[in-house]
Amino acid sequence: MTTEHHELVTQGAVGLLLRVAVASRNPGAAPLEDELQRLSRVLQDSRTTSGVMPHVVLASLLDLLADEVGTAAFEARPAAYRQALARAAGDDPPADFLRALAALIRDRYFRSYPDMTELPLSEWEAGARFSLTSAFISSMISGEYDSVDEALDEILTSEHPDCHERLGNLAGELQRLLYLFRTPAELDAAFAEAAPYVTHARIRLLLDAVHAHFAEQH
């Protein structure tokens, strides 16, 4: 593995994995095993995602990075990556930690994950899965507008006319949330810790506004 393409270890699945592992070291944080299962849910969220980053690819990449530890190539990696790896590994040698993660990811336990009612969303998972939902609802309630109706009108108008893909993806996230959590109470409970501003009522308002926008403007 060459030292180029540093985004592989700072921005991609490896970077996310290390950030999750570092966070799991904090007092009171979710255990690494739970966070790995959340990561598995994200990676298997859709056929597209699982096709781009299958478990076996991520595990193999971790093994390659383990082999790189201690070499000149490793020292040429970004300091942020090397520091995150050291914090995530804790008292374990970084290479051993990477190989242990690879073994966990290959295990069937990692690939068969609990649903969101059994293992609730974490903040990072909610952001990874429902980033548009989070961003639009945050704008709705930002206090910049006199009313929710005005906020919705301004937010959706600002996307127009080149809004088909972004708003289409937003509508998909919102509709999927309504399918994943069949009652308002289930949905609100799922986001209570991760993003309490994401509520069933706001999702319905936003989805109706997106549908109205497409009906009226396209």
N, C-alpha and C. Protein backbone atom coordinates (compact mmCIF):
# COMPACT_ATOMS: atom_id res chain seq x y z
N MET A 1 0.84 -1.19 0.00
CA MET A 1 0.00 0.00 0.00
C MET A 1 0.88 1.24 0.00
N THR A 2 0.60 2.17 -0.89
CA THR A 2 1.39 3.39 -0.96
C THR A 2 0.89 4.39 0.07
N THR A 3 1.65 5.48 0.23
CA THR A 3 1.28 6.49 1.22
C THR A 3 0.32 7.52 0.63
N GLU A 4 0.00 7.43 -0.66
CA GLU A 4 -0.95 8.36 -1.25
C GLU A 4 -2.38 8.01 -0.81
N HIS A 5 -3.30 8.88 -1.22
CA HIS A 5 -4.72 8.65 -0.93
C HIS A 5 -4.97 8.56 0.58
N HIS A 6 -4.53 9.59 1.29
CA HIS A 6 -4.66 9.57 2.75
C HIS A 6 -6.12 9.61 3.20
N GLU A 7 -7.03 10.01 2.28
CA GLU A 7 -8.43 10.03 2.68
C GLU A 7 -8.94 8.63 3.03
N LEU A 8 -8.26 7.61 2.59
CA LEU A 8 -8.64 6.24 2.95
C LEU A 8 -8.61 6.03 4.45
N VAL A 9 -7.69 6.70 5.11
CA VAL A 9 -7.53 6.48 6.55
C VAL A 9 -8.05 7.64 7.39
N THR A 10 -8.38 8.76 6.76
CA THR A 10 -8.86 9.90 7.53
C THR A 10 -10.33 10.22 7.26
N GLN A 11 -10.85 9.89 6.07
CA GLN A 11 -12.20 10.27 5.72
C GLN A 11 -13.11 9.09 5.40
N GLY A 12 -12.57 7.97 5.05
CA GLY A 12 -13.38 6.83 4.64
C GLY A 12 -13.84 5.98 5.80
N ALA A 13 -14.12 4.72 5.50
CA ALA A 13 -14.63 3.80 6.52
C ALA A 13 -13.61 3.58 7.63
N VAL A 14 -12.32 3.59 7.28
CA VAL A 14 -11.28 3.41 8.31
C VAL A 14 -11.28 4.60 9.26
N GLY A 15 -11.37 5.82 8.69
CA GLY A 15 -11.41 7.01 9.54
C GLY A 15 -12.61 6.99 10.48
N LEU A 16 -13.77 6.60 9.95
CA LEU A 16 -14.97 6.51 10.79
C LEU A 16 -14.78 5.45 11.87
N LEU A 17 -14.23 4.32 11.50
CA LEU A 17 -14.01 3.24 12.46
C LEU A 17 -13.10 3.70 13.60
N LEU A 18 -12.03 4.41 13.26
CA LEU A 18 -11.11 4.88 14.30
C LEU A 18 -11.76 5.93 15.19
N ARG A 19 -12.55 6.82 14.60
CA ARG A 19 -13.23 7.83 15.43
C ARG A 19 -14.21 7.17 16.40
N VAL A 20 -14.90 6.14 15.91
CA VAL A 20 -15.82 5.41 16.77
C VAL A 20 -15.05 4.69 17.89
N ALA A 21 -13.92 4.09 17.53
CA ALA A 21 -13.12 3.36 18.52
C ALA A 21 -12.54 4.31 19.56
N VAL A 22 -12.09 5.49 19.12
CA VAL A 22 -11.57 6.49 20.06
C VAL A 22 -12.67 6.92 21.02
N ALA A 23 -13.86 7.21 20.48
CA ALA A 23 -14.98 7.66 21.31
C ALA A 23 -15.36 6.61 22.33
N SER A 24 -15.24 5.34 21.98
CA SER A 24 -15.63 4.27 22.89
C SER A 24 -14.70 4.19 24.11
N ARG A 25 -13.55 4.85 24.03
CA ARG A 25 -12.61 4.88 25.16
C ARG A 25 -13.02 5.90 26.22
N ASN A 26 -13.92 6.81 25.87
CA ASN A 26 -14.31 7.86 26.82
C ASN A 26 -15.15 7.29 27.95
N PRO A 27 -15.02 7.84 29.16
CA PRO A 27 -15.83 7.37 30.29
C PRO A 27 -17.33 7.47 29.99
N GLY A 28 -18.05 6.39 30.24
CA GLY A 28 -19.48 6.38 30.01
C GLY A 28 -19.92 6.19 28.58
N ALA A 29 -18.97 6.03 27.67
CA ALA A 29 -19.30 5.86 26.25
C ALA A 29 -19.80 4.44 25.98
N ALA A 30 -20.46 4.28 24.84
CA ALA A 30 -20.92 2.96 24.44
C ALA A 30 -19.71 2.05 24.20
N PRO A 31 -19.82 0.76 24.55
CA PRO A 31 -18.69 -0.15 24.32
C PRO A 31 -18.39 -0.32 22.84
N LEU A 32 -17.14 -0.64 22.55
CA LEU A 32 -16.71 -0.77 21.16
C LEU A 32 -17.55 -1.81 20.41
N GLU A 33 -17.94 -2.89 21.08
CA GLU A 33 -18.72 -3.93 20.41
C GLU A 33 -20.04 -3.37 19.89
N ASP A 34 -20.70 -2.52 20.69
CA ASP A 34 -21.96 -1.90 20.24
C ASP A 34 -21.71 -0.98 19.07
N GLU A 35 -20.64 -0.20 19.15
CA GLU A 35 -20.35 0.74 18.08
C GLU A 35 -20.00 0.01 16.78
N LEU A 36 -19.33 -1.13 16.90
CA LEU A 36 -19.03 -1.92 15.70
C LEU A 36 -20.31 -2.43 15.05
N GLN A 37 -21.29 -2.80 15.87
CA GLN A 37 -22.55 -3.27 15.28
C GLN A 37 -23.31 -2.11 14.64
N ARG A 38 -23.20 -0.92 15.20
CA ARG A 38 -23.80 0.25 14.54
C ARG A 38 -23.10 0.50 13.21
N LEU A 39 -21.78 0.36 13.21
CA LEU A 39 -21.04 0.54 11.95
C LEU A 39 -21.49 -0.50 10.93
N SER A 40 -21.72 -1.72 11.38
CA SER A 40 -22.20 -2.76 10.48
C SER A 40 -23.55 -2.37 9.88
N ARG A 41 -24.44 -1.80 10.69
CA ARG A 41 -25.74 -1.35 10.17
C ARG A 41 -25.55 -0.29 9.09
N VAL A 42 -24.61 0.64 9.33
CA VAL A 42 -24.37 1.69 8.35
C VAL A 42 -23.83 1.10 7.05
N LEU A 43 -22.88 0.19 7.16
CA LEU A 43 -22.27 -0.40 5.97
C LEU A 43 -23.26 -1.25 5.18
N GLN A 44 -24.25 -1.81 5.87
CA GLN A 44 -25.25 -2.63 5.19
C GLN A 44 -26.56 -1.89 4.98
N ASP A 45 -26.51 -0.57 5.10
CA ASP A 45 -27.72 0.25 5.03
C ASP A 45 -28.42 0.11 3.68
N SER A 46 -27.66 -0.10 2.64
CA SER A 46 -28.25 -0.26 1.31
C SER A 46 -27.34 -1.16 0.49
N ARG A 47 -27.87 -1.65 -0.60
CA ARG A 47 -27.04 -2.48 -1.49
C ARG A 47 -25.89 -1.67 -2.05
N THR A 48 -26.14 -0.39 -2.29
CA THR A 48 -25.07 0.46 -2.82
C THR A 48 -23.93 0.57 -1.83
N THR A 49 -24.26 0.87 -0.58
CA THR A 49 -23.23 1.03 0.43
C THR A 49 -22.48 -0.28 0.67
N SER A 50 -23.22 -1.35 0.83
CA SER A 50 -22.56 -2.63 1.10
C SER A 50 -21.76 -3.11 -0.10
N GLY A 51 -22.16 -2.69 -1.31
CA GLY A 51 -21.39 -3.05 -2.50
C GLY A 51 -20.10 -2.26 -2.61
N VAL A 52 -20.12 -1.01 -2.18
CA VAL A 52 -18.93 -0.16 -2.23
C VAL A 52 -17.92 -0.55 -1.16
N MET A 53 -18.39 -0.87 0.03
CA MET A 53 -17.49 -1.22 1.13
C MET A 53 -17.97 -2.49 1.82
N PRO A 54 -17.76 -3.66 1.19
CA PRO A 54 -18.12 -4.92 1.85
C PRO A 54 -17.26 -5.13 3.10
N HIS A 55 -17.76 -5.93 4.01
CA HIS A 55 -17.01 -6.19 5.23
C HIS A 55 -15.62 -6.74 4.94
N VAL A 56 -15.54 -7.64 3.99
CA VAL A 56 -14.25 -8.28 3.72
C VAL A 56 -13.23 -7.27 3.22
N VAL A 57 -13.68 -6.26 2.49
CA VAL A 57 -12.76 -5.23 2.00
C VAL A 57 -12.23 -4.40 3.16
N LEU A 58 -13.13 -3.98 4.06
CA LEU A 58 -12.70 -3.20 5.21
C LEU A 58 -11.74 -4.01 6.08
N ALA A 59 -12.07 -5.27 6.33
CA ALA A 59 -11.19 -6.11 7.15
C ALA A 59 -9.82 -6.28 6.50
N SER A 60 -9.79 -6.48 5.20
CA SER A 60 -8.52 -6.65 4.49
C SER A 60 -7.70 -5.36 4.53
N LEU A 61 -8.38 -4.23 4.43
CA LEU A 61 -7.69 -2.95 4.50
C LEU A 61 -7.05 -2.76 5.88
N LEU A 62 -7.76 -3.16 6.92
CA LEU A 62 -7.20 -3.07 8.28
C LEU A 62 -5.97 -3.97 8.42
N ASP A 63 -6.00 -5.15 7.83
CA ASP A 63 -4.84 -6.03 7.88
C ASP A 63 -3.65 -5.40 7.16
N LEU A 64 -3.90 -4.78 6.01
CA LEU A 64 -2.82 -4.11 5.28
C LEU A 64 -2.24 -2.96 6.09
N LEU A 65 -3.10 -2.21 6.73
CA LEU A 65 -2.62 -1.10 7.56
C LEU A 65 -1.84 -1.61 8.76
N ALA A 66 -2.22 -2.75 9.30
CA ALA A 66 -1.47 -3.35 10.41
C ALA A 66 -0.06 -3.71 9.95
N ASP A 67 0.06 -4.26 8.75
CA ASP A 67 1.38 -4.60 8.22
C ASP A 67 2.23 -3.35 7.99
N GLU A 68 1.60 -2.22 7.81
CA GLU A 68 2.31 -0.97 7.51
C GLU A 68 2.88 -0.30 8.76
N VAL A 69 2.28 -0.62 9.93
CA VAL A 69 2.71 0.02 11.18
C VAL A 69 4.21 -0.19 11.40
N GLY A 70 4.91 0.90 11.72
CA GLY A 70 6.35 0.82 11.99
C GLY A 70 7.22 1.02 10.78
N THR A 71 6.62 1.12 9.60
CA THR A 71 7.39 1.32 8.38
C THR A 71 7.47 2.81 8.03
N ALA A 72 8.28 3.12 7.04
CA ALA A 72 8.38 4.50 6.57
C ALA A 72 7.04 4.97 6.00
N ALA A 73 6.32 4.08 5.37
CA ALA A 73 5.02 4.43 4.81
C ALA A 73 4.06 4.85 5.92
N PHE A 74 4.13 4.15 7.05
CA PHE A 74 3.26 4.50 8.19
C PHE A 74 3.62 5.89 8.72
N GLU A 75 4.91 6.19 8.83
CA GLU A 75 5.33 7.49 9.34
C GLU A 75 4.93 8.62 8.40
N ALA A 76 4.72 8.28 7.12
CA ALA A 76 4.31 9.30 6.15
C ALA A 76 2.80 9.54 6.17
N ARG A 77 2.06 8.72 6.90
CA ARG A 77 0.61 8.92 7.01
C ARG A 77 0.34 10.21 7.78
N PRO A 78 -0.86 10.79 7.61
CA PRO A 78 -1.19 12.02 8.36
C PRO A 78 -1.09 11.79 9.87
N ALA A 79 -0.60 12.82 10.57
CA ALA A 79 -0.47 12.71 12.02
C ALA A 79 -1.81 12.42 12.68
N ALA A 80 -2.90 12.98 12.12
CA ALA A 80 -4.23 12.76 12.71
C ALA A 80 -4.57 11.28 12.70
N TYR A 81 -4.21 10.57 11.64
CA TYR A 81 -4.48 9.14 11.56
C TYR A 81 -3.65 8.38 12.59
N ARG A 82 -2.35 8.67 12.65
CA ARG A 82 -1.48 7.93 13.57
C ARG A 82 -1.87 8.20 15.03
N GLN A 83 -2.27 9.43 15.33
CA GLN A 83 -2.69 9.76 16.69
C GLN A 83 -4.01 9.08 17.05
N ALA A 84 -4.96 9.08 16.10
CA ALA A 84 -6.24 8.42 16.35
C ALA A 84 -6.04 6.92 16.56
N LEU A 85 -5.16 6.32 15.78
CA LEU A 85 -4.90 4.89 15.93
C LEU A 85 -4.30 4.60 17.30
N ALA A 86 -3.37 5.44 17.75
CA ALA A 86 -2.77 5.23 19.06
C ALA A 86 -3.81 5.36 20.17
N ARG A 87 -4.70 6.34 20.06
CA ARG A 87 -5.73 6.52 21.09
C ARG A 87 -6.72 5.36 21.07
N ALA A 88 -7.09 4.91 19.89
CA ALA A 88 -8.04 3.80 19.78
C ALA A 88 -7.44 2.51 20.32
N ALA A 89 -6.16 2.30 20.06
CA ALA A 89 -5.50 1.05 20.49
C ALA A 89 -5.29 1.01 21.99
N GLY A 90 -5.18 2.18 22.62
CA GLY A 90 -4.97 2.20 24.07
C GLY A 90 -3.65 1.56 24.45
N ASP A 91 -3.70 0.55 25.30
CA ASP A 91 -2.48 -0.12 25.76
C ASP A 91 -2.01 -1.20 24.79
N ASP A 92 -2.80 -1.50 23.77
CA ASP A 92 -2.42 -2.54 22.81
C ASP A 92 -1.51 -1.96 21.73
N PRO A 93 -0.61 -2.77 21.19
CA PRO A 93 0.16 -2.32 20.04
C PRO A 93 -0.79 -2.00 18.88
N PRO A 94 -0.59 -0.88 18.17
CA PRO A 94 -1.51 -0.50 17.09
C PRO A 94 -1.73 -1.60 16.06
N ALA A 95 -0.67 -2.30 15.68
CA ALA A 95 -0.83 -3.36 14.67
C ALA A 95 -1.74 -4.47 15.19
N ASP A 96 -1.56 -4.85 16.45
CA ASP A 96 -2.41 -5.90 17.03
C ASP A 96 -3.86 -5.43 17.10
N PHE A 97 -4.06 -4.16 17.44
CA PHE A 97 -5.41 -3.62 17.53
C PHE A 97 -6.09 -3.66 16.17
N LEU A 98 -5.39 -3.27 15.11
CA LEU A 98 -5.97 -3.29 13.76
C LEU A 98 -6.34 -4.70 13.35
N ARG A 99 -5.47 -5.65 13.67
CA ARG A 99 -5.77 -7.05 13.29
C ARG A 99 -6.95 -7.59 14.11
N ALA A 100 -7.06 -7.18 15.35
CA ALA A 100 -8.20 -7.61 16.18
C ALA A 100 -9.50 -7.04 15.63
N LEU A 101 -9.47 -5.77 15.18
CA LEU A 101 -10.66 -5.18 14.56
C LEU A 101 -11.03 -5.93 13.29
N ALA A 102 -10.03 -6.27 12.49
CA ALA A 102 -10.30 -7.00 11.25
C ALA A 102 -10.97 -8.35 11.55
N ALA A 103 -10.49 -9.02 12.60
CA ALA A 103 -11.08 -10.31 12.96
C ALA A 103 -12.53 -10.14 13.41
N LEU A 104 -12.80 -9.08 14.19
CA LEU A 104 -14.17 -8.83 14.64
C LEU A 104 -15.10 -8.55 13.46
N ILE A 105 -14.61 -7.79 12.51
CA ILE A 105 -15.43 -7.42 11.36
C ILE A 105 -15.74 -8.64 10.49
N ARG A 106 -14.83 -9.60 10.46
CA ARG A 106 -15.07 -10.82 9.68
C ARG A 106 -16.03 -11.76 10.40
N ASP A 107 -16.22 -11.57 11.69
CA ASP A 107 -17.06 -12.48 12.48
C ASP A 107 -18.53 -12.31 12.11
N ARG A 108 -19.28 -13.39 12.14
CA ARG A 108 -20.71 -13.33 11.80
C ARG A 108 -21.48 -12.42 12.75
N TYR A 109 -21.01 -12.32 13.98
CA TYR A 109 -21.65 -11.45 14.96
C TYR A 109 -21.71 -10.02 14.45
N PHE A 110 -20.65 -9.59 13.78
CA PHE A 110 -20.61 -8.22 13.26
C PHE A 110 -21.61 -8.04 12.13
N ARG A 111 -21.76 -9.06 11.32
CA ARG A 111 -22.62 -8.93 10.14
C ARG A 111 -24.10 -9.07 10.46
N SER A 112 -24.44 -9.71 11.59
CA SER A 112 -25.85 -9.82 11.99
C SER A 112 -26.08 -8.88 13.16
N TYR A 113 -26.60 -7.72 12.85
CA TYR A 113 -26.69 -6.64 13.84
C TYR A 113 -28.13 -6.50 14.35
N PRO A 114 -28.31 -5.99 15.56
CA PRO A 114 -29.65 -5.76 16.10
C PRO A 114 -30.30 -4.55 15.44
N ASP A 115 -31.64 -4.51 15.47
CA ASP A 115 -32.31 -3.36 14.87
C ASP A 115 -32.25 -2.17 15.82
N MET A 116 -32.81 -1.05 15.38
CA MET A 116 -32.65 0.20 16.12
C MET A 116 -33.50 0.27 17.38
N THR A 117 -34.46 -0.63 17.52
CA THR A 117 -35.20 -0.67 18.78
C THR A 117 -34.42 -1.45 19.84
N GLU A 118 -33.55 -2.37 19.41
CA GLU A 118 -32.73 -3.14 20.34
C GLU A 118 -31.44 -2.39 20.68
N LEU A 119 -30.81 -1.80 19.67
CA LEU A 119 -29.59 -1.03 19.84
C LEU A 119 -29.85 0.37 19.27
N PRO A 120 -30.19 1.33 20.12
CA PRO A 120 -30.62 2.65 19.63
C PRO A 120 -29.54 3.35 18.82
N LEU A 121 -29.98 4.28 18.00
CA LEU A 121 -29.06 5.11 17.23
C LEU A 121 -28.11 5.86 18.16
N SER A 122 -26.88 5.98 17.73
CA SER A 122 -25.95 6.89 18.39
C SER A 122 -25.93 8.19 17.58
N GLU A 123 -25.29 9.21 18.12
CA GLU A 123 -25.25 10.50 17.42
C GLU A 123 -24.55 10.38 16.08
N TRP A 124 -23.41 9.66 16.06
CA TRP A 124 -22.67 9.57 14.80
C TRP A 124 -23.45 8.73 13.78
N GLU A 125 -24.16 7.69 14.25
CA GLU A 125 -24.91 6.86 13.30
C GLU A 125 -26.09 7.63 12.73
N ALA A 126 -26.77 8.39 13.58
CA ALA A 126 -27.89 9.21 13.09
C ALA A 126 -27.40 10.18 12.03
N GLY A 127 -26.23 10.79 12.27
CA GLY A 127 -25.67 11.72 11.29
C GLY A 127 -25.27 11.04 10.00
N ALA A 128 -24.71 9.85 10.10
CA ALA A 128 -24.28 9.12 8.91
C ALA A 128 -25.46 8.64 8.07
N ARG A 129 -26.51 8.18 8.73
CA ARG A 129 -27.65 7.61 8.03
C ARG A 129 -28.63 8.67 7.54
N PHE A 130 -28.85 9.69 8.36
CA PHE A 130 -29.94 10.64 8.09
C PHE A 130 -29.42 12.08 8.12
N SER A 131 -28.34 12.30 7.39
CA SER A 131 -27.69 13.61 7.43
C SER A 131 -28.58 14.72 6.86
N LEU A 132 -29.33 14.44 5.80
CA LEU A 132 -30.20 15.45 5.22
C LEU A 132 -31.36 15.76 6.15
N THR A 133 -31.93 14.73 6.73
CA THR A 133 -33.02 14.94 7.70
C THR A 133 -32.56 15.84 8.83
N SER A 134 -31.39 15.54 9.37
CA SER A 134 -30.86 16.32 10.48
C SER A 134 -30.62 17.78 10.06
N ALA A 135 -30.04 17.97 8.88
CA ALA A 135 -29.71 19.33 8.43
C ALA A 135 -30.96 20.15 8.16
N PHE A 136 -31.95 19.56 7.50
CA PHE A 136 -33.16 20.32 7.16
C PHE A 136 -34.00 20.63 8.40
N ILE A 137 -34.12 19.66 9.30
CA ILE A 137 -34.91 19.92 10.50
C ILE A 137 -34.21 20.94 11.40
N SER A 138 -32.89 20.89 11.45
CA SER A 138 -32.15 21.91 12.20
C SER A 138 -32.43 23.29 11.65
N SER A 139 -32.50 23.41 10.33
CA SER A 139 -32.81 24.71 9.72
C SER A 139 -34.24 25.14 10.02
N MET A 140 -35.15 24.17 10.05
CA MET A 140 -36.55 24.46 10.36
C MET A 140 -36.72 25.14 11.71
N ILE A 141 -35.93 24.71 12.68
CA ILE A 141 -36.13 25.16 14.05
C ILE A 141 -35.01 26.08 14.52
N SER A 142 -34.28 26.66 13.57
CA SER A 142 -33.11 27.46 13.92
C SER A 142 -33.45 28.78 14.58
N GLY A 143 -34.70 29.22 14.46
CA GLY A 143 -35.09 30.50 15.01
C GLY A 143 -34.88 31.66 14.06
N GLU A 144 -34.44 31.37 12.84
CA GLU A 144 -34.21 32.43 11.86
C GLU A 144 -35.50 32.92 11.21
N TYR A 145 -36.57 32.17 11.38
CA TYR A 145 -37.82 32.49 10.69
C TYR A 145 -38.94 32.72 11.70
N ASP A 146 -39.98 33.43 11.25
CA ASP A 146 -41.09 33.77 12.14
C ASP A 146 -42.00 32.58 12.43
N SER A 147 -42.01 31.60 11.52
CA SER A 147 -42.87 30.43 11.71
C SER A 147 -42.26 29.24 11.00
N VAL A 148 -42.76 28.06 11.34
CA VAL A 148 -42.29 26.84 10.67
C VAL A 148 -42.65 26.87 9.20
N ASP A 149 -43.85 27.36 8.87
CA ASP A 149 -44.27 27.44 7.47
C ASP A 149 -43.31 28.31 6.66
N GLU A 150 -42.93 29.45 7.23
CA GLU A 150 -41.98 30.33 6.54
C GLU A 150 -40.63 29.65 6.39
N ALA A 151 -40.20 28.96 7.44
CA ALA A 151 -38.92 28.25 7.38
C ALA A 151 -38.93 27.21 6.28
N LEU A 152 -40.00 26.41 6.21
CA LEU A 152 -40.09 25.37 5.18
C LEU A 152 -40.08 25.98 3.79
N ASP A 153 -40.83 27.05 3.60
CA ASP A 153 -40.89 27.69 2.29
C ASP A 153 -39.52 28.21 1.88
N GLU A 154 -38.83 28.88 2.79
CA GLU A 154 -37.52 29.45 2.48
C GLU A 154 -36.48 28.35 2.23
N ILE A 155 -36.50 27.34 3.06
CA ILE A 155 -35.50 26.27 2.94
C ILE A 155 -35.65 25.54 1.61
N LEU A 156 -36.88 25.19 1.26
CA LEU A 156 -37.09 24.43 0.03
C LEU A 156 -36.91 25.30 -1.20
N THR A 157 -37.31 26.56 -1.12
CA THR A 157 -37.12 27.48 -2.25
C THR A 157 -35.64 27.69 -2.53
N SER A 158 -34.83 27.70 -1.48
CA SER A 158 -33.39 27.91 -1.68
C SER A 158 -32.75 26.77 -2.46
N GLU A 159 -33.37 25.62 -2.47
CA GLU A 159 -32.85 24.47 -3.22
C GLU A 159 -33.26 24.51 -4.69
N HIS A 160 -34.29 25.27 -4.99
CA HIS A 160 -34.88 25.31 -6.33
C HIS A 160 -34.02 26.17 -7.27
N PRO A 161 -33.87 25.88 -8.57
CA PRO A 161 -34.57 24.81 -9.29
C PRO A 161 -33.80 23.49 -9.38
N ASP A 162 -32.54 23.50 -8.98
CA ASP A 162 -31.72 22.28 -9.12
C ASP A 162 -31.83 21.44 -7.85
N CYS A 163 -33.05 21.06 -7.52
CA CYS A 163 -33.29 20.42 -6.22
C CYS A 163 -33.71 18.97 -6.34
N HIS A 164 -33.81 18.46 -7.55
CA HIS A 164 -34.39 17.12 -7.72
C HIS A 164 -33.63 16.06 -6.92
N GLU A 165 -32.31 16.04 -7.06
CA GLU A 165 -31.55 14.97 -6.40
C GLU A 165 -31.52 15.15 -4.89
N ARG A 166 -31.20 16.35 -4.43
CA ARG A 166 -31.07 16.58 -2.99
C ARG A 166 -32.41 16.40 -2.27
N LEU A 167 -33.47 17.01 -2.80
CA LEU A 167 -34.77 16.87 -2.16
C LEU A 167 -35.33 15.46 -2.35
N GLY A 168 -35.01 14.84 -3.47
CA GLY A 168 -35.42 13.44 -3.66
C GLY A 168 -34.78 12.53 -2.62
N ASN A 169 -33.47 12.77 -2.36
CA ASN A 169 -32.80 11.99 -1.33
C ASN A 169 -33.35 12.28 0.06
N LEU A 170 -33.68 13.55 0.31
CA LEU A 170 -34.29 13.92 1.58
C LEU A 170 -35.62 13.20 1.77
N ALA A 171 -36.46 13.23 0.74
CA ALA A 171 -37.76 12.55 0.84
C ALA A 171 -37.57 11.06 1.10
N GLY A 172 -36.55 10.47 0.47
CA GLY A 172 -36.27 9.06 0.71
C GLY A 172 -35.90 8.78 2.16
N GLU A 173 -35.04 9.65 2.75
CA GLU A 173 -34.68 9.48 4.16
C GLU A 173 -35.91 9.59 5.05
N LEU A 174 -36.73 10.61 4.80
CA LEU A 174 -37.90 10.83 5.64
C LEU A 174 -38.89 9.68 5.55
N GLN A 175 -39.13 9.21 4.32
CA GLN A 175 -40.07 8.11 4.15
C GLN A 175 -39.54 6.84 4.79
N ARG A 176 -38.23 6.63 4.69
CA ARG A 176 -37.64 5.43 5.29
C ARG A 176 -37.77 5.45 6.80
N LEU A 177 -37.62 6.62 7.39
CA LEU A 177 -37.79 6.73 8.84
C LEU A 177 -39.20 6.34 9.26
N LEU A 178 -40.18 6.74 8.46
CA LEU A 178 -41.57 6.41 8.79
C LEU A 178 -41.84 4.92 8.64
N TYR A 179 -41.09 4.26 7.76
CA TYR A 179 -41.23 2.81 7.64
C TYR A 179 -40.47 2.07 8.73
N LEU A 180 -39.29 2.58 9.10
CA LEU A 180 -38.48 1.90 10.12
C LEU A 180 -39.14 1.94 11.48
N PHE A 181 -39.77 3.08 11.78
CA PHE A 181 -40.40 3.27 13.09
C PHE A 181 -41.89 3.49 12.84
N ARG A 182 -42.67 2.47 13.14
CA ARG A 182 -44.06 2.47 12.71
C ARG A 182 -44.99 3.32 13.56
N THR A 183 -44.53 3.79 14.70
CA THR A 183 -45.36 4.67 15.52
C THR A 183 -44.56 5.92 15.86
N PRO A 184 -45.24 7.04 16.10
CA PRO A 184 -44.53 8.26 16.51
C PRO A 184 -43.68 8.05 17.75
N ALA A 185 -44.18 7.28 18.71
CA ALA A 185 -43.44 7.06 19.95
C ALA A 185 -42.12 6.31 19.68
N GLU A 186 -42.15 5.31 18.79
CA GLU A 186 -40.94 4.57 18.47
C GLU A 186 -39.90 5.47 17.81
N LEU A 187 -40.36 6.31 16.88
CA LEU A 187 -39.42 7.19 16.18
C LEU A 187 -38.82 8.21 17.14
N ASP A 188 -39.67 8.84 17.94
CA ASP A 188 -39.17 9.85 18.87
C ASP A 188 -38.19 9.23 19.87
N ALA A 189 -38.48 8.01 20.31
CA ALA A 189 -37.59 7.34 21.26
C ALA A 189 -36.25 7.01 20.62
N ALA A 190 -36.26 6.65 19.34
CA ALA A 190 -35.03 6.29 18.65
C ALA A 190 -34.06 7.46 18.58
N PHE A 191 -34.59 8.67 18.45
CA PHE A 191 -33.75 9.85 18.31
C PHE A 191 -33.59 10.63 19.61
N ALA A 192 -34.17 10.14 20.69
CA ALA A 192 -34.20 10.90 21.94
C ALA A 192 -32.80 11.26 22.44
N GLU A 193 -31.85 10.36 22.28
CA GLU A 193 -30.48 10.62 22.74
C GLU A 193 -29.62 11.19 21.62
N ALA A 194 -29.75 10.64 20.43
CA ALA A 194 -28.86 11.01 19.33
C ALA A 194 -29.18 12.39 18.75
N ALA A 195 -30.44 12.67 18.52
CA ALA A 195 -30.85 13.94 17.89
C ALA A 195 -32.29 14.23 18.29
N PRO A 196 -32.52 14.71 19.50
CA PRO A 196 -33.89 14.86 20.02
C PRO A 196 -34.75 15.83 19.24
N TYR A 197 -34.15 16.69 18.43
CA TYR A 197 -34.92 17.62 17.61
C TYR A 197 -35.56 16.94 16.41
N VAL A 198 -35.13 15.72 16.08
CA VAL A 198 -35.74 14.95 14.99
C VAL A 198 -36.92 14.20 15.57
N THR A 199 -38.12 14.68 15.29
CA THR A 199 -39.33 14.08 15.84
C THR A 199 -40.26 13.65 14.70
N HIS A 200 -41.19 12.77 15.04
CA HIS A 200 -42.16 12.30 14.06
C HIS A 200 -42.95 13.47 13.48
N ALA A 201 -43.38 14.39 14.31
CA ALA A 201 -44.19 15.51 13.84
C ALA A 201 -43.41 16.37 12.84
N ARG A 202 -42.14 16.62 13.11
CA ARG A 202 -41.34 17.44 12.20
C ARG A 202 -41.03 16.70 10.90
N ILE A 203 -40.83 15.40 11.00
CA ILE A 203 -40.60 14.61 9.79
C ILE A 203 -41.83 14.66 8.89
N ARG A 204 -43.02 14.53 9.47
CA ARG A 204 -44.25 14.59 8.67
C ARG A 204 -44.40 15.97 8.02
N LEU A 205 -44.15 17.03 8.77
CA LEU A 205 -44.26 18.38 8.21
C LEU A 205 -43.29 18.57 7.05
N LEU A 206 -42.05 18.14 7.24
CA LEU A 206 -41.04 18.32 6.21
C LEU A 206 -41.35 17.48 4.98
N LEU A 207 -41.78 16.25 5.18
CA LEU A 207 -42.09 15.39 4.04
C LEU A 207 -43.27 15.94 3.26
N ASP A 208 -44.30 16.39 3.94
CA ASP A 208 -45.45 17.00 3.26
C ASP A 208 -45.02 18.24 2.47
N ALA A 209 -44.11 19.03 3.04
CA ALA A 209 -43.64 20.23 2.36
C ALA A 209 -42.83 19.89 1.11
N VAL A 210 -42.02 18.83 1.18
CA VAL A 210 -41.25 18.40 0.01
C VAL A 210 -42.20 17.93 -1.09
N HIS A 211 -43.22 17.13 -0.73
CA HIS A 211 -44.20 16.68 -1.71
C HIS A 211 -44.93 17.86 -2.35
N ALA A 212 -45.31 18.82 -1.53
CA ALA A 212 -46.01 20.00 -2.05
C ALA A 212 -45.11 20.80 -2.98
N HIS A 213 -43.84 20.91 -2.63
CA HIS A 213 -42.90 21.65 -3.46
C HIS A 213 -42.79 21.03 -4.85
N PHE A 214 -42.66 19.71 -4.90
CA PHE A 214 -42.55 19.05 -6.20
C PHE A 214 -43.85 19.16 -6.99
N ALA A 215 -44.96 19.06 -6.30
CA ALA A 215 -46.26 19.16 -6.99
C ALA A 215 -46.49 20.54 -7.58
N GLU A 216 -46.03 21.57 -6.88
CA GLU A 216 -46.30 22.94 -7.30
C GLU A 216 -45.23 23.51 -8.23
N GLN A 217 -43.98 23.06 -8.06
CA GLN A 217 -42.88 23.71 -8.76
C GLN A 217 -42.26 22.88 -9.87
N HIS A 218 -42.64 21.60 -9.98
CA HIS A 218 -41.97 20.75 -10.98
C HIS A 218 -42.99 20.00 -11.82
